[in-house]
Protein backbone atom coordinates (compact mmCIF):
# COMPACT_ATOMS: atom_id res chain seq x y z
CA UNK A 1 11.06 -32.22 128.62
CA UNK A 2 12.44 -34.48 125.13
CA UNK A 3 14.79 -34.45 122.93
CA UNK A 4 12.38 -34.65 120.44
CA UNK A 5 9.91 -31.37 121.68
CA UNK A 6 12.13 -29.01 119.67
CA UNK A 7 11.16 -30.67 116.62
CA UNK A 8 7.77 -30.59 117.34
CA UNK A 9 5.42 -27.63 115.53
CA UNK A 10 3.17 -24.97 116.63
CA UNK A 11 0.02 -27.01 116.39
CA UNK A 12 1.49 -30.17 118.23
CA UNK A 13 2.59 -28.40 121.33
CA UNK A 14 -0.90 -26.88 121.53
CA UNK A 15 -2.90 -30.65 121.39
CA UNK A 16 0.27 -31.61 123.50
CA UNK A 17 -0.69 -28.83 126.17
CA UNK A 18 -4.56 -29.41 125.94
CA UNK A 19 -4.02 -32.78 126.48
CA UNK A 20 -2.03 -32.67 129.62
CA UNK A 21 -4.48 -29.87 131.27
CA UNK A 22 -7.47 -32.80 130.19
CA UNK A 23 -5.11 -35.15 132.06
CA UNK A 24 -4.95 -32.53 134.94
CA UNK A 25 -8.32 -32.07 135.30
CA UNK A 26 -9.18 -35.64 135.29
CA UNK A 27 -6.92 -36.72 137.70
CA UNK A 28 -5.70 -39.43 135.67
CA UNK A 29 -2.14 -39.22 137.94
CA UNK A 30 0.94 -39.14 136.82
CA UNK A 31 1.62 -38.67 132.71
CA UNK A 32 3.07 -42.20 131.28
CA UNK A 33 6.77 -43.27 131.79
CA UNK A 34 6.38 -40.85 134.68
CA UNK A 35 6.52 -41.85 138.45
CA UNK A 36 4.21 -41.09 141.09
CA UNK A 37 6.09 -38.31 143.34
CA UNK A 38 4.36 -40.11 146.18
CA UNK A 39 3.92 -43.49 147.48
CA UNK A 40 0.22 -44.16 148.91
CA UNK A 41 1.02 -45.05 151.91
CA UNK A 42 1.54 -41.13 152.66
CA UNK A 43 -1.27 -38.95 153.85
CA UNK A 44 -1.72 -35.72 151.72
CA UNK A 45 -1.62 -32.30 153.78
CA UNK A 46 -4.91 -30.91 151.66
CA UNK A 47 -6.37 -33.24 148.88
CA UNK A 48 -7.88 -31.31 145.93
CA UNK A 49 -10.52 -33.69 144.82
CA UNK A 50 -12.44 -33.13 148.20
CA UNK A 51 -14.30 -30.27 147.48
CA UNK A 52 -16.43 -29.98 150.47
CA UNK A 53 -14.22 -29.20 153.50
CA UNK A 54 -13.63 -26.27 154.89
CA UNK A 55 -10.04 -26.61 155.28
CA UNK A 56 -10.03 -27.17 151.24
CA UNK A 57 -12.05 -23.89 150.44
CA UNK A 58 -9.53 -21.75 152.68
CA UNK A 59 -6.81 -23.02 150.71
CA UNK A 60 -8.56 -22.47 147.58
CA UNK A 61 -9.34 -19.30 148.60
CA UNK A 62 -5.76 -18.25 149.99
CA UNK A 63 -4.41 -19.48 146.10
CA UNK A 64 -7.04 -17.57 144.89
CA UNK A 65 -5.95 -13.94 146.93
CA UNK A 66 -2.64 -14.84 146.20
CA UNK A 67 -2.80 -14.19 142.37
CA UNK A 68 -5.33 -11.35 142.82
CA UNK A 69 -2.72 -9.74 144.98
CA UNK A 70 0.48 -10.47 142.79
CA UNK A 71 -2.02 -9.01 140.07
CA UNK A 72 -2.82 -5.93 141.87
CA UNK A 73 0.90 -5.44 143.34
CA UNK A 74 2.47 -6.05 139.75
CA UNK A 75 0.22 -4.03 137.34
CA UNK A 76 -1.77 -1.72 139.83
CA UNK A 77 -5.08 -3.22 138.92
CA UNK A 78 -7.57 -1.57 140.84
CA UNK A 79 -10.50 -4.19 140.25
CA UNK A 80 -7.65 -7.26 141.31
CA UNK A 81 -7.55 -5.13 144.71
CA UNK A 82 -11.51 -5.33 145.22
CA UNK A 83 -11.11 -9.13 143.91
CA UNK A 84 -8.11 -9.59 146.57
CA UNK A 85 -9.99 -8.04 149.47
CA UNK A 86 -13.14 -9.85 148.54
CA UNK A 87 -11.11 -13.22 148.95
CA UNK A 88 -9.49 -11.88 152.18
CA UNK A 89 -13.26 -11.60 153.90
CA UNK A 90 -14.22 -14.80 152.43
CA UNK A 91 -10.99 -16.39 154.33
CA UNK A 92 -11.87 -15.08 157.74
CA UNK A 93 -15.63 -16.30 157.28
CA UNK A 94 -14.20 -19.78 156.34
CA UNK A 95 -11.74 -19.47 159.44
CA UNK A 96 -13.94 -18.58 161.52
CA UNK A 97 -16.53 -21.75 160.05
CA UNK A 98 -13.55 -23.94 160.78
CA UNK A 99 -12.71 -22.48 164.26
CA UNK A 100 -16.41 -23.80 165.35
CA UNK A 101 -15.55 -27.01 163.17
CA UNK A 102 -12.64 -27.95 165.58
CA UNK A 103 -13.98 -26.76 168.74
CA UNK A 104 -17.16 -29.13 167.89
CA UNK A 105 -14.77 -31.95 167.32
CA UNK A 106 -12.71 -31.06 170.73
CA UNK A 107 -16.07 -31.36 172.62
CA UNK A 108 -17.01 -34.67 170.53
CA UNK A 109 -14.00 -35.94 171.55
CA UNK A 110 -13.24 -35.44 175.16
CA UNK A 111 -16.60 -34.05 176.00
CA UNK A 112 -16.62 -30.89 178.58
CA UNK A 113 -13.79 -32.32 180.85
CA UNK A 114 -11.48 -31.21 177.86
CA UNK A 115 -12.30 -27.44 178.15
CA UNK A 116 -9.65 -25.38 178.80
CA UNK A 117 -10.96 -21.64 178.67
CA UNK A 118 -9.29 -20.85 175.28
CA UNK A 119 -13.33 -19.85 173.97
CA UNK A 120 -12.53 -16.72 175.94
CA UNK A 121 -10.69 -14.94 172.64
CA UNK A 122 -13.55 -15.79 170.55
CA UNK A 123 -13.95 -12.04 169.62
């Protein structure tokens, strides 16, 4: 925070927070006068802008599960427990889907010659 943030009124702080949130939603990069945390040559483990990827969906569901689980553990909220279980179920479905995608990619790369019998533990 800058030194002049102390002298800001409540309305100015709210508008500043709104502006930061809008910037975050638009994914415009770092705020002015702040450096990019990573250079362009590095690969991201997960790119939030790619919404359709199964890996991205899994990570989003894990985050949602963690939030609901925390609410349940801290407050004992039964509805949060139900939502946490729902997210866990969705994670299981997405994990099975991603596993099938990976198997398909492996078969596409090496043909059937690269099969090492790992499919025996599918169930």
